[in-house]
């Protein structure tokens, strides 16, 4: 079982299915919705997804025709997206509480990517922010 929640903890969900394929989406709407270079997403079967708490704190935004992005009205976390005609929903992996293994399949919508992000860059990594000088 997979579990997830928003930043403030008001909204919670569970998924009774194994993790699906992970992709990083660089489309314009994902970048705007998340305020980031891309959104990491994973499709799961609609019937395996259910809200377990906080549905009263949810709202949704139709970002393109038929695609709804669900978010917490208290903290703003984007939790999942769906096209109501599709058999899957897209989990926003930043809100997933369950640790999962697996490598992303790739980056999608690179034609729409932020000019300041290049996934092939080999930038230095710091475990907890920049080191003090």
Protein backbone atom coordinates (compact mmCIF):
# COMPACT_ATOMS: atom_id res chain seq x y z
CA UNK A 1 0.00 0.00 0.00
CA UNK A 2 1.14 3.55 -0.77
CA UNK A 3 0.23 6.52 1.40
CA UNK A 4 0.58 10.23 0.86
CA UNK A 5 -0.36 13.58 2.35
CA UNK A 6 -0.13 17.31 1.83
CA UNK A 7 2.41 19.57 3.56
CA UNK A 8 0.11 20.47 6.47
CA UNK A 9 -1.20 16.90 6.86
CA UNK A 10 -4.87 17.83 6.46
CA UNK A 11 -5.32 15.81 3.25
CA UNK A 12 -4.32 12.15 3.09
CA UNK A 13 -4.71 9.34 0.58
CA UNK A 14 -3.86 5.71 0.06
CA UNK A 15 -3.27 3.56 -2.99
CA UNK A 16 -3.83 -0.19 -2.89
CA UNK A 17 -1.57 -0.94 -5.83
CA UNK A 18 2.12 -1.33 -6.49
CA UNK A 19 4.06 1.76 -7.60
CA UNK A 20 3.80 2.49 -11.31
CA UNK A 21 6.34 4.02 -13.68
CA UNK A 22 7.84 7.35 -12.59
CA UNK A 23 8.38 10.22 -15.03
CA UNK A 24 9.51 13.82 -14.67
CA UNK A 25 7.15 16.13 -16.57
CA UNK A 26 8.56 19.43 -17.85
CA UNK A 27 5.35 20.76 -19.46
CA UNK A 28 4.48 24.42 -18.96
CA UNK A 29 1.48 23.69 -16.75
CA UNK A 30 3.39 21.31 -14.43
CA UNK A 31 6.17 23.88 -14.06
CA UNK A 32 3.67 26.64 -13.23
CA UNK A 33 1.57 24.48 -10.88
CA UNK A 34 4.58 23.30 -8.88
CA UNK A 35 6.84 26.34 -9.17
CA UNK A 36 9.67 24.02 -10.21
CA UNK A 37 11.60 22.81 -13.24
CA UNK A 38 9.44 19.68 -13.45
CA UNK A 39 6.92 17.54 -11.60
CA UNK A 40 7.65 13.91 -10.73
CA UNK A 41 4.54 11.84 -11.34
CA UNK A 42 3.37 8.25 -11.21
CA UNK A 43 0.13 6.89 -12.68
CA UNK A 44 -1.94 4.54 -10.52
CA UNK A 45 -5.24 2.85 -11.26
CA UNK A 46 -8.17 5.08 -10.36
CA UNK A 47 -9.94 2.27 -8.50
CA UNK A 48 -6.84 1.74 -6.30
CA UNK A 49 -6.79 5.41 -5.15
CA UNK A 50 -8.88 6.82 -2.30
CA UNK A 51 -8.87 9.86 -0.05
CA UNK A 52 -8.56 8.89 3.63
CA UNK A 53 -8.74 12.34 5.26
CA UNK A 54 -9.31 15.98 4.49
CA UNK A 55 -11.58 15.90 1.46
CA UNK A 56 -13.19 19.10 2.80
CA UNK A 57 -9.79 20.83 2.43
CA UNK A 58 -9.44 19.83 -1.23
CA UNK A 59 -10.06 21.93 -4.27
CA UNK A 60 -9.28 21.34 -7.91
CA UNK A 61 -8.28 23.42 -10.89
CA UNK A 62 -8.93 22.54 -14.53
CA UNK A 63 -5.52 23.36 -16.01
CA UNK A 64 -6.42 22.16 -19.50
CA UNK A 65 -9.64 20.82 -20.92
CA UNK A 66 -10.63 17.75 -18.92
CA UNK A 67 -7.50 17.71 -16.70
CA UNK A 68 -8.01 18.53 -13.04
CA UNK A 69 -5.23 19.21 -10.52
CA UNK A 70 -6.26 18.51 -6.92
CA UNK A 71 -4.63 20.54 -4.15
CA UNK A 72 -4.97 21.31 -0.45
CA UNK A 73 -6.63 24.68 0.15
CA UNK A 74 -4.78 25.08 3.46
CA UNK A 75 -1.14 24.57 2.44
CA UNK A 76 -1.33 24.58 -1.37
CA UNK A 77 0.25 21.15 -1.95
CA UNK A 78 -0.61 19.67 -5.33
CA UNK A 79 -1.49 16.09 -4.53
CA UNK A 80 -2.77 14.44 -7.69
CA UNK A 81 -4.11 15.13 -11.14
CA UNK A 82 -6.67 13.34 -13.25
CA UNK A 83 -8.42 13.28 -16.55
CA UNK A 84 -11.85 12.00 -15.60
CA UNK A 85 -12.07 9.91 -18.78
CA UNK A 86 -8.81 8.05 -17.99
CA UNK A 87 -8.49 4.84 -15.91
CA UNK A 88 -5.52 6.27 -13.94
CA UNK A 89 -4.76 9.24 -11.70
CA UNK A 90 -1.35 10.89 -11.50
CA UNK A 91 0.23 11.04 -8.06
CA UNK A 92 2.52 13.99 -7.38
CA UNK A 93 5.45 12.14 -5.86
CA UNK A 94 6.51 15.03 -3.64
CA UNK A 95 3.43 14.23 -1.52
CA UNK A 96 4.08 10.49 -1.31
CA UNK A 97 4.87 9.38 2.28
CA UNK A 98 5.69 5.76 1.45
CA UNK A 99 9.27 5.14 0.37
CA UNK A 100 9.41 3.54 -3.07
CA UNK A 101 12.24 2.13 -5.12
CA UNK A 102 12.83 2.39 -8.80
CA UNK A 103 14.36 4.72 -11.29
CA UNK A 104 12.32 7.19 -13.30
CA UNK A 105 11.69 6.13 -16.89
CA UNK A 106 12.62 9.55 -18.19
CA UNK A 107 11.83 13.21 -18.71
CA UNK A 108 8.73 14.09 -20.74
CA UNK A 109 7.75 17.35 -22.44
CA UNK A 110 11.40 18.41 -22.72
CA UNK A 111 10.25 20.57 -25.64
CA UNK A 112 8.57 22.74 -22.98
CA UNK A 113 11.39 22.71 -20.42
CA UNK A 114 12.77 25.58 -18.34
CA UNK A 115 15.79 27.13 -20.04
CA UNK A 116 17.72 27.19 -16.75
CA UNK A 117 17.48 23.44 -16.04
CA UNK A 118 19.54 20.78 -17.82
CA UNK A 119 19.12 17.23 -16.46
CA UNK A 120 22.56 16.22 -17.72
CA UNK A 121 24.37 18.84 -15.63
CA UNK A 122 26.65 17.36 -13.00
CA UNK A 123 26.29 19.94 -10.29
CA UNK A 124 27.73 19.43 -6.80
CA UNK A 125 25.43 17.82 -4.26
CA UNK A 126 25.08 18.80 -0.58
CA UNK A 127 23.28 16.60 1.95
CA UNK A 128 21.72 19.55 3.85
CA UNK A 129 21.92 22.87 2.03
CA UNK A 130 25.01 24.83 1.10
CA UNK A 131 27.98 24.45 3.47
CA UNK A 132 28.68 27.41 5.76
CA UNK A 133 31.56 29.63 4.67
